[in-house]
Amino acid sequence: MEQRSMSDIIKKMQPLLRKFEGDDELVIHEAKDEAGSNVGDNYTSVMIRTVVVGKYGNGSPYKKNFMTKILPHFRPITEFMHTDALYVIEGYMYEKILPIVGDYGPRCVYVDEEEIIMEDLREKGYTNCKRQNYLDLEHTLFTIQALAKWHAKSVSIKLKDPESFEKLASPLKENIFPVDSNDAVGRTVDGGLDSAISHLESIKLQTAELKKAIEYVKSLKNKCYDIIAKLLSLPKDRYFTICHGDAWINNILYKYDKNGKLLDIKFVDFQISRHTSVALDFHYFVYSSVRSCIIEDNYDNLIELYHRTFVEKLKEYGVSEGDLKNLTMEWFKSELKKFSLYGLVTGFWLIHVVLADETNVLDMDKITAEDIKNMEFFNKTIDATKAERYKFIALHYLRMYVQ
């Protein structure tokens, strides 16, 4: 991308920041761009961090950082993923949804179909956890509660005014698993299944349970996309809500107090937000981002914590007793079972990107659309750590939702 001059940055940012800060006399004296993320951290965007220095109208100093998320027309992935549609959804989430649902993301400065400018959460003390380590119990519990609160707020809005909510949610179109589409990125799920199968078959101790898991994964070949696309195109149930859609470890930032205690959480990257079952966010987060040992020892507790928090917030938001009687633990478990395949498949999908190290991260400026279709951008070398994660997810899923 072309480097912007300081004068160009100031010309762009000053009027936007005057409006953002509510100060018509704010003046920007200096501004510079720098890389906003590492290679492999963003797949459908280019992130730029802009440092601005100036003064408020009252003369006091002004210095802040902002993040600009740019639609990369020059990347081959745009031929395949329809990133322009993803940007429409994300911009809509920032402009219309988050102001209603709650303070779950960065404050937004400016949105159009080409770029999104937002506050830099890093400057406010928010940081990512190291993705290769997955999340420990403390971070997992904190995130589960945040998702439950988000979903409860959204559901409460829907139940109080279904017609207005339907209009609000209607722009959230499905772009990853659209029905009857032959060029959707979701079509790469078969490549993810192939990788899972090869890794599972590489494990030396082939128990009867593992062999059953391998056969089950093989049985999904060539029909997995259609199953998920149909799930995501179901008529909008009364308790479907607006979900983040991409709540994995890289898209979640945490803030701590001086003693290291968790204080707050923010989500970023709302490009595949959906009006769907709360189970999708739960499955996607747990199977993509939580340590295997935490899932193994605490899965029932995670379900219970989510449901308890969800119901408590619904009561706080004034949802009727009739609806609360419907939203039982049995209801939540039935949603989890109905949408469980989505958790398995996306859990498989994200293993490569979560566990990628500095030597094998994906450089999205170099891979082609054909690479993406054929999953050629994933390292085909069998990796023991990946194999163990595949094994855990497959066996856990089978125990919980198939047997």
Protein backbone atom coordinates (compact mmCIF):
# COMPACT_ATOMS: atom_id res chain seq x y z
CA MET A 1 0.00 0.00 0.00
CA GLU A 2 1.06 3.58 -0.61
CA GLN A 3 2.40 5.48 2.35
CA ARG A 4 0.33 8.53 3.24
CA SER A 5 2.08 11.84 3.85
CA MET A 6 1.63 13.58 7.16
CA SER A 7 -0.43 16.32 5.52
CA ASP A 8 -2.74 13.73 3.95
CA ILE A 9 -3.26 12.01 7.29
CA ILE A 10 -4.00 15.29 9.06
CA LYS A 11 -6.40 16.37 6.32
CA LYS A 12 -8.27 13.09 6.73
CA MET A 13 -8.17 12.74 10.50
CA GLN A 14 -8.64 16.26 11.87
CA PRO A 15 -12.31 16.77 10.87
CA LEU A 16 -13.13 13.20 11.92
CA LEU A 17 -11.49 13.62 15.32
CA ARG A 18 -13.15 16.98 15.91
CA LYS A 19 -16.49 15.23 15.57
CA PHE A 20 -15.35 12.16 17.53
CA GLU A 21 -14.03 14.25 20.45
CA GLY A 22 -16.83 16.82 20.31
CA ASP A 23 -14.28 19.63 19.96
CA ASP A 24 -14.54 21.83 16.87
CA GLU A 25 -11.25 23.54 17.71
CA LEU A 26 -9.14 20.40 18.06
CA VAL A 27 -5.96 20.76 15.98
CA ILE A 28 -3.67 17.95 14.80
CA HIS A 29 -0.04 19.01 14.37
CA GLU A 30 1.62 15.65 13.69
CA ALA A 31 0.46 12.28 12.43
CA LYS A 32 2.15 9.11 11.26
CA ASP A 33 1.13 5.62 10.16
CA GLU A 34 2.68 2.33 11.23
CA ALA A 35 1.80 -1.33 10.88
CA GLY A 36 -1.20 -2.17 13.00
CA SER A 37 -0.74 -5.94 13.16
CA ASN A 38 1.71 -8.73 12.49
CA VAL A 39 1.77 -10.93 9.38
CA GLY A 40 -0.80 -13.67 9.85
CA ASP A 41 -2.98 -11.79 12.32
CA ASN A 42 -5.48 -10.43 9.80
CA TYR A 43 -6.75 -12.34 6.82
CA THR A 44 -9.34 -10.09 5.21
CA SER A 45 -7.98 -6.68 6.19
CA VAL A 46 -4.95 -4.44 6.39
CA MET A 47 -4.54 -2.79 9.79
CA ILE A 48 -2.82 0.58 10.15
CA ARG A 49 -2.08 2.26 13.46
CA THR A 50 -2.08 6.07 13.23
CA VAL A 51 -0.45 8.16 15.95
CA VAL A 52 -1.79 11.72 16.12
CA VAL A 53 -0.44 14.61 18.17
CA GLY A 54 -2.05 18.01 18.61
CA LYS A 55 -4.05 20.05 21.10
CA TYR A 56 -7.63 20.41 22.23
CA GLY A 57 -9.49 23.65 21.71
CA ASN A 58 -8.71 24.62 25.31
CA GLY A 59 -4.99 24.32 24.61
CA SER A 60 -4.32 21.08 26.50
CA PRO A 61 -2.19 18.47 24.69
CA TYR A 62 -3.83 15.79 22.57
CA LYS A 63 -2.12 12.52 21.69
CA LYS A 64 -3.92 9.34 20.74
CA ASN A 65 -3.60 6.27 18.56
CA PHE A 66 -6.24 5.04 16.15
CA MET A 67 -6.60 1.85 14.14
CA THR A 68 -7.72 1.89 10.52
CA LYS A 69 -9.02 -1.32 9.01
CA ILE A 70 -8.75 -1.21 5.23
CA LEU A 71 -10.40 -3.39 2.62
CA PRO A 72 -7.45 -4.85 0.67
CA HIS A 73 -8.57 -4.89 -2.97
CA PHE A 74 -5.05 -5.84 -3.95
CA ARG A 75 -5.12 -9.19 -2.12
CA PRO A 76 -6.03 -12.35 -4.02
CA ILE A 77 -8.38 -13.38 -1.20
CA THR A 78 -10.82 -10.65 -2.29
CA GLU A 79 -11.54 -12.71 -5.42
CA PHE A 80 -12.84 -15.50 -3.23
CA MET A 81 -14.16 -14.17 0.06
CA HIS A 82 -16.24 -11.20 -1.12
CA THR A 83 -14.57 -9.05 1.51
CA ASP A 84 -16.59 -6.02 0.40
CA ALA A 85 -19.72 -7.70 1.80
CA LEU A 86 -17.88 -8.45 5.05
CA TYR A 87 -16.98 -4.78 5.39
CA VAL A 88 -20.61 -3.77 4.97
CA ILE A 89 -21.56 -6.03 7.87
CA GLU A 90 -18.75 -4.86 10.12
CA GLY A 91 -19.47 -1.21 9.46
CA TYR A 92 -23.14 -1.83 10.19
CA MET A 93 -22.26 -3.55 13.47
CA TYR A 94 -20.22 -0.54 14.57
CA GLU A 95 -22.75 2.06 13.47
CA LYS A 96 -26.08 0.43 14.34
CA ILE A 97 -25.76 -2.72 16.46
CA LEU A 98 -23.07 -2.14 19.08
CA PRO A 99 -24.48 1.21 20.24
CA ILE A 100 -27.67 -0.68 21.12
CA VAL A 101 -26.31 -4.03 22.32
CA GLY A 102 -23.49 -2.64 24.43
CA ASP A 103 -19.91 -1.50 24.82
CA TYR A 104 -18.33 -4.70 23.53
CA GLY A 105 -15.95 -3.24 20.94
CA PRO A 106 -13.74 -0.22 20.33
CA ARG A 107 -15.38 3.16 19.81
CA CYS A 108 -15.70 3.88 16.12
CA VAL A 109 -14.51 7.13 14.54
CA TYR A 110 -15.54 6.58 10.92
CA VAL A 111 -17.08 3.90 8.73
CA ASP A 112 -17.54 3.46 4.99
CA GLU A 113 -17.44 0.49 2.62
CA GLU A 114 -13.65 0.75 2.25
CA GLU A 115 -12.35 1.43 5.75
CA ILE A 116 -13.20 1.54 9.43
CA ILE A 117 -11.36 3.89 11.79
CA MET A 118 -11.57 3.08 15.50
CA GLU A 119 -9.83 3.78 18.76
CA ASP A 120 -6.70 1.75 19.47
CA LEU A 121 -7.62 -0.61 22.30
CA ARG A 122 -3.95 -1.30 23.00
CA GLU A 123 -3.53 2.33 24.06
CA LYS A 124 -6.32 1.83 26.61
CA GLY A 125 -4.60 -1.19 28.13
CA TYR A 126 -6.32 -4.02 26.24
CA THR A 127 -4.17 -6.87 25.00
CA ASN A 128 -4.50 -10.23 23.27
CA CYS A 129 -3.52 -13.48 24.90
CA LYS A 130 -0.93 -15.57 23.07
CA ARG A 131 -3.05 -17.62 20.71
CA GLN A 132 -0.75 -20.68 20.62
CA ASN A 133 -1.28 -21.16 24.36
CA TYR A 134 -5.09 -21.16 24.10
CA LEU A 135 -7.08 -19.63 26.98
CA ASP A 136 -6.84 -20.63 30.63
CA LEU A 137 -9.84 -21.07 32.92
CA GLU A 138 -9.96 -17.47 34.16
CA HIS A 139 -10.06 -15.99 30.67
CA THR A 140 -12.49 -18.66 29.48
CA LEU A 141 -15.00 -17.96 32.26
CA PHE A 142 -14.70 -14.21 31.73
CA THR A 143 -15.37 -14.56 28.01
CA ILE A 144 -18.27 -16.98 28.42
CA GLN A 145 -19.96 -14.48 30.73
CA ALA A 146 -19.37 -11.63 28.29
CA LEU A 147 -20.93 -13.58 25.42
CA ALA A 148 -23.92 -14.51 27.58
CA LYS A 149 -24.46 -10.85 28.55
CA TRP A 150 -24.19 -9.73 24.91
CA HIS A 151 -26.67 -12.38 23.77
CA ALA A 152 -29.10 -11.62 26.61
CA LYS A 153 -29.15 -7.93 25.76
CA SER A 154 -29.79 -8.69 22.11
CA VAL A 155 -32.53 -11.22 22.89
CA SER A 156 -34.23 -8.79 25.29
CA ILE A 157 -34.34 -6.13 22.57
CA LYS A 158 -35.81 -8.63 20.14
CA LEU A 159 -38.51 -9.89 22.52
CA LYS A 160 -39.67 -6.38 23.39
CA ASP A 161 -39.97 -5.23 19.76
CA PRO A 162 -39.65 -8.10 17.26
CA GLU A 163 -40.49 -6.05 14.18
CA SER A 164 -37.92 -3.34 14.86
CA PHE A 165 -35.35 -6.00 15.74
CA GLU A 166 -35.97 -7.83 12.47
CA LYS A 167 -35.32 -4.63 10.55
CA LEU A 168 -32.19 -4.04 12.63
CA ALA A 169 -30.83 -7.54 12.03
CA SER A 170 -31.88 -7.95 8.38
CA PRO A 171 -28.64 -6.53 6.86
CA LEU A 172 -26.61 -9.30 8.53
CA LYS A 173 -26.43 -11.53 5.46
CA GLU A 174 -24.66 -14.89 5.44
CA ASN A 175 -21.43 -14.61 3.47
CA ILE A 176 -19.43 -17.64 4.67
CA PHE A 177 -22.00 -20.43 4.26
CA PRO A 178 -24.65 -19.09 1.87
CA VAL A 179 -27.04 -21.70 0.49
CA ASP A 180 -26.42 -22.77 -3.13
CA SER A 181 -23.14 -20.89 -3.53
CA ASN A 182 -20.17 -22.58 -5.19
CA ASP A 183 -17.56 -19.92 -4.43
CA ALA A 184 -18.13 -19.27 -0.72
CA VAL A 185 -15.18 -19.56 1.63
CA GLY A 186 -17.16 -22.12 3.59
CA ARG A 187 -16.51 -24.52 0.73
CA THR A 188 -13.01 -24.96 2.14
CA VAL A 189 -14.47 -27.00 5.03
CA ASP A 190 -13.68 -30.18 3.11
CA GLY A 191 -10.02 -29.18 3.04
CA GLY A 192 -10.22 -28.74 6.79
CA LEU A 193 -11.72 -32.21 7.11
CA ASP A 194 -8.91 -33.66 4.99
CA SER A 195 -6.34 -32.06 7.28
CA ALA A 196 -8.16 -33.41 10.33
CA ILE A 197 -8.28 -36.92 8.88
CA SER A 198 -4.59 -36.98 7.96
CA HIS A 199 -3.60 -35.71 11.40
CA LEU A 200 -5.89 -38.16 13.21
CA GLU A 201 -4.57 -41.06 11.14
CA SER A 202 -0.99 -40.04 12.02
CA ILE A 203 -1.55 -40.80 15.70
CA LYS A 204 0.24 -44.03 16.55
CA LEU A 205 -2.14 -45.36 19.19
CA GLN A 206 -5.29 -45.95 17.15
CA THR A 207 -7.91 -46.78 19.77
CA ALA A 208 -11.36 -48.01 18.82
CA GLU A 209 -12.79 -44.63 19.80
CA LEU A 210 -10.27 -42.75 17.65
CA LYS A 211 -10.97 -45.02 14.67
CA LYS A 212 -14.67 -44.29 15.11
CA ALA A 213 -13.92 -40.57 15.15
CA ILE A 214 -11.92 -40.84 11.92
CA GLU A 215 -14.74 -42.69 10.20
CA TYR A 216 -17.21 -40.07 11.42
CA VAL A 217 -15.11 -37.21 10.05
CA LYS A 218 -14.75 -39.07 6.74
CA SER A 219 -18.54 -39.43 6.60
CA LEU A 220 -18.88 -35.64 6.59
CA LYS A 221 -16.92 -35.23 3.36
CA ASN A 222 -18.81 -33.52 0.53
CA LYS A 223 -21.88 -32.81 2.61
CA CYS A 224 -20.62 -30.76 5.54
CA TYR A 225 -21.05 -27.40 3.79
CA ASP A 226 -24.66 -28.08 2.88
CA ILE A 227 -25.54 -29.19 6.41
CA ILE A 228 -24.09 -26.03 7.94
CA ALA A 229 -25.53 -23.75 5.26
CA LYS A 230 -29.00 -25.15 6.00
CA LEU A 231 -28.51 -24.65 9.73
CA LEU A 232 -27.55 -21.04 9.14
CA SER A 233 -30.52 -20.44 6.83
CA LEU A 234 -33.17 -21.76 9.24
CA PRO A 235 -36.17 -19.49 9.83
CA LYS A 236 -35.35 -16.98 12.55
CA ASP A 237 -36.37 -18.61 15.81
CA ARG A 238 -37.90 -16.43 18.53
CA TYR A 239 -34.71 -16.76 20.59
CA PHE A 240 -32.16 -16.36 17.82
CA THR A 241 -30.04 -13.31 18.45
CA ILE A 242 -27.22 -11.21 17.03
CA CYS A 243 -24.01 -13.15 17.54
CA HIS A 244 -20.42 -12.01 17.08
CA GLY A 245 -19.75 -14.87 14.66
CA ASP A 246 -15.95 -14.87 14.91
CA ALA A 247 -15.21 -14.95 18.63
CA TRP A 248 -11.82 -16.65 18.61
CA ILE A 249 -8.75 -15.79 20.65
CA ASN A 250 -7.27 -13.27 18.19
CA ASN A 251 -10.49 -11.25 18.16
CA ILE A 252 -10.75 -10.94 21.93
CA LEU A 253 -8.81 -8.41 24.03
CA TYR A 254 -8.59 -8.22 27.79
CA LYS A 255 -7.81 -5.47 30.28
CA TYR A 256 -6.27 -6.08 33.72
CA ASP A 257 -5.77 -4.15 36.94
CA LYS A 258 -2.32 -3.53 38.41
CA ASN A 259 -2.42 -6.92 40.13
CA GLY A 260 -3.20 -8.79 36.91
CA LYS A 261 -6.88 -9.34 37.68
CA LEU A 262 -9.22 -9.28 34.69
CA LEU A 263 -11.22 -6.07 34.51
CA ASP A 264 -12.81 -5.90 31.08
CA ILE A 265 -13.10 -7.50 27.67
CA LYS A 266 -13.52 -6.18 24.15
CA PHE A 267 -14.26 -7.96 20.89
CA VAL A 268 -13.06 -6.90 17.46
CA ASP A 269 -13.68 -8.08 13.87
CA PHE A 270 -17.45 -8.17 13.41
CA GLN A 271 -17.34 -9.16 9.73
CA ILE A 272 -19.35 -12.37 10.04
CA SER A 273 -21.81 -11.33 12.74
CA ARG A 274 -25.10 -13.18 12.33
CA HIS A 275 -28.72 -13.35 13.47
CA THR A 276 -28.71 -16.95 14.66
CA SER A 277 -28.57 -19.30 17.65
CA VAL A 278 -26.51 -18.36 20.69
CA ALA A 279 -25.01 -21.85 20.41
CA LEU A 280 -22.86 -20.76 17.46
CA ASP A 281 -20.81 -18.27 19.46
CA PHE A 282 -20.50 -20.72 22.36
CA HIS A 283 -19.25 -23.60 20.17
CA TYR A 284 -16.99 -21.41 18.05
CA PHE A 285 -15.31 -19.80 21.04
CA VAL A 286 -14.84 -22.98 23.08
CA TYR A 287 -13.58 -25.26 20.29
CA SER A 288 -11.35 -22.61 18.70
CA SER A 289 -9.80 -20.90 21.70
CA VAL A 290 -9.98 -22.80 25.00
CA ARG A 291 -7.30 -25.19 26.24
CA SER A 292 -8.19 -28.83 25.81
CA CYS A 293 -7.68 -29.58 29.51
CA ILE A 294 -10.06 -26.75 30.45
CA ILE A 295 -12.76 -28.09 28.13
CA GLU A 296 -12.19 -31.63 29.40
CA ASP A 297 -12.52 -30.69 33.07
CA ASN A 298 -15.02 -27.83 32.90
CA TYR A 299 -17.32 -28.20 29.87
CA ASP A 300 -20.49 -28.76 31.90
CA ASN A 301 -19.52 -25.84 34.13
CA LEU A 302 -19.05 -23.60 31.09
CA ILE A 303 -22.53 -24.50 29.87
CA GLU A 304 -23.98 -23.85 33.31
CA LEU A 305 -22.16 -20.52 33.69
CA TYR A 306 -23.29 -19.33 30.28
CA HIS A 307 -26.92 -20.26 30.94
CA ARG A 308 -27.01 -18.81 34.46
CA THR A 309 -25.49 -15.51 33.29
CA PHE A 310 -27.80 -15.39 30.26
CA VAL A 311 -30.95 -15.87 32.36
CA GLU A 312 -29.83 -13.44 35.09
CA LYS A 313 -29.29 -10.70 32.51
CA LEU A 314 -32.61 -11.47 30.79
CA LYS A 315 -34.36 -10.95 34.15
CA GLU A 316 -32.43 -7.71 34.64
CA TYR A 317 -33.56 -6.53 31.20
CA GLY A 318 -37.21 -7.24 32.02
CA VAL A 319 -37.90 -10.26 29.81
CA SER A 320 -41.31 -11.81 30.54
CA GLU A 321 -41.81 -14.78 32.82
CA GLY A 322 -43.28 -16.71 29.91
CA ASP A 323 -40.09 -16.39 27.89
CA LEU A 324 -37.89 -17.12 30.90
CA LYS A 325 -39.79 -20.38 31.43
CA ASN A 326 -38.93 -21.37 27.86
CA LEU A 327 -35.23 -20.51 28.15
CA THR A 328 -34.31 -23.40 30.41
CA MET A 329 -31.08 -25.34 30.60
CA GLU A 330 -32.78 -27.99 28.47
CA TRP A 331 -33.45 -25.35 25.81
CA PHE A 332 -29.79 -24.28 25.79
CA LYS A 333 -28.51 -27.85 25.61
CA SER A 334 -30.88 -28.57 22.73
CA GLU A 335 -29.48 -25.54 20.87
CA LEU A 336 -25.95 -26.75 21.52
CA LYS A 337 -26.78 -30.17 20.12
CA LYS A 338 -28.62 -28.80 17.08
CA PHE A 339 -25.67 -26.58 16.10
CA SER A 340 -22.86 -28.81 17.37
CA LEU A 341 -21.50 -29.69 13.93
CA TYR A 342 -20.69 -26.03 13.40
CA GLY A 343 -18.47 -26.20 16.48
CA LEU A 344 -16.64 -29.28 15.27
CA VAL A 345 -15.99 -27.91 11.79
CA THR A 346 -14.91 -24.43 12.83
CA GLY A 347 -12.80 -25.92 15.60
CA PHE A 348 -10.97 -27.94 12.94
CA TRP A 349 -10.76 -24.94 10.62
CA LEU A 350 -9.02 -22.70 13.12
CA ILE A 351 -6.40 -25.11 14.46
CA HIS A 352 -3.90 -24.06 11.80
CA VAL A 353 -4.26 -20.33 12.38
CA VAL A 354 -4.26 -20.60 16.17
CA LEU A 355 -1.16 -22.78 16.29
CA ALA A 356 0.76 -21.09 13.46
CA ASP A 357 4.13 -19.77 14.62
CA GLU A 358 6.37 -17.12 13.10
CA THR A 359 7.72 -19.57 10.52
CA ASN A 360 4.39 -20.69 9.05
CA VAL A 361 1.91 -17.84 9.45
CA LEU A 362 -0.18 -17.07 6.39
CA ASP A 363 0.93 -14.08 4.33
CA MET A 364 -2.33 -13.03 2.73
CA ASP A 365 -0.52 -10.80 0.23
CA LYS A 366 1.04 -13.88 -1.37
CA ILE A 367 -1.50 -16.67 -1.40
CA THR A 368 -3.91 -16.96 -4.33
CA ALA A 369 -7.63 -17.57 -4.54
CA GLU A 370 -6.83 -21.06 -5.88
CA ASP A 371 -4.66 -21.73 -2.83
CA ILE A 372 -7.60 -20.86 -0.62
CA LYS A 373 -10.04 -23.08 -2.53
CA ASN A 374 -7.66 -26.02 -2.23
CA MET A 375 -6.55 -25.23 1.34
CA GLU A 376 -3.00 -25.08 -0.04
CA PHE A 377 -2.14 -22.25 2.31
CA PHE A 378 -2.16 -24.62 5.27
CA ASN A 379 1.07 -26.36 6.12
CA LYS A 380 0.48 -29.97 5.05
CA THR A 381 3.23 -31.33 7.24
CA ILE A 382 1.78 -33.42 10.04
CA ASP A 383 2.26 -31.60 13.33
CA ALA A 384 1.97 -33.54 16.60
CA THR A 385 0.52 -30.59 18.52
CA LYS A 386 -2.15 -30.07 15.88
CA ALA A 387 -2.86 -33.80 15.84
CA GLU A 388 -3.54 -33.79 19.57
CA ARG A 389 -5.91 -30.84 19.23
CA TYR A 390 -7.75 -32.52 16.36
CA LYS A 391 -8.02 -35.66 18.45
CA PHE A 392 -9.35 -33.84 21.46
CA ILE A 393 -12.00 -31.89 19.56
CA ALA A 394 -13.15 -34.92 17.59
CA LEU A 395 -13.44 -37.20 20.62
CA HIS A 396 -15.05 -34.54 22.81
CA TYR A 397 -17.61 -33.74 20.13
CA LEU A 398 -18.47 -37.41 19.60
CA ARG A 399 -18.87 -38.02 23.34
CA MET A 400 -21.04 -34.94 23.85
CA TYR A 401 -23.17 -34.77 20.73
CA VAL A 402 -23.13 -38.02 18.73
CA GLN A 403 -23.01 -41.02 21.05
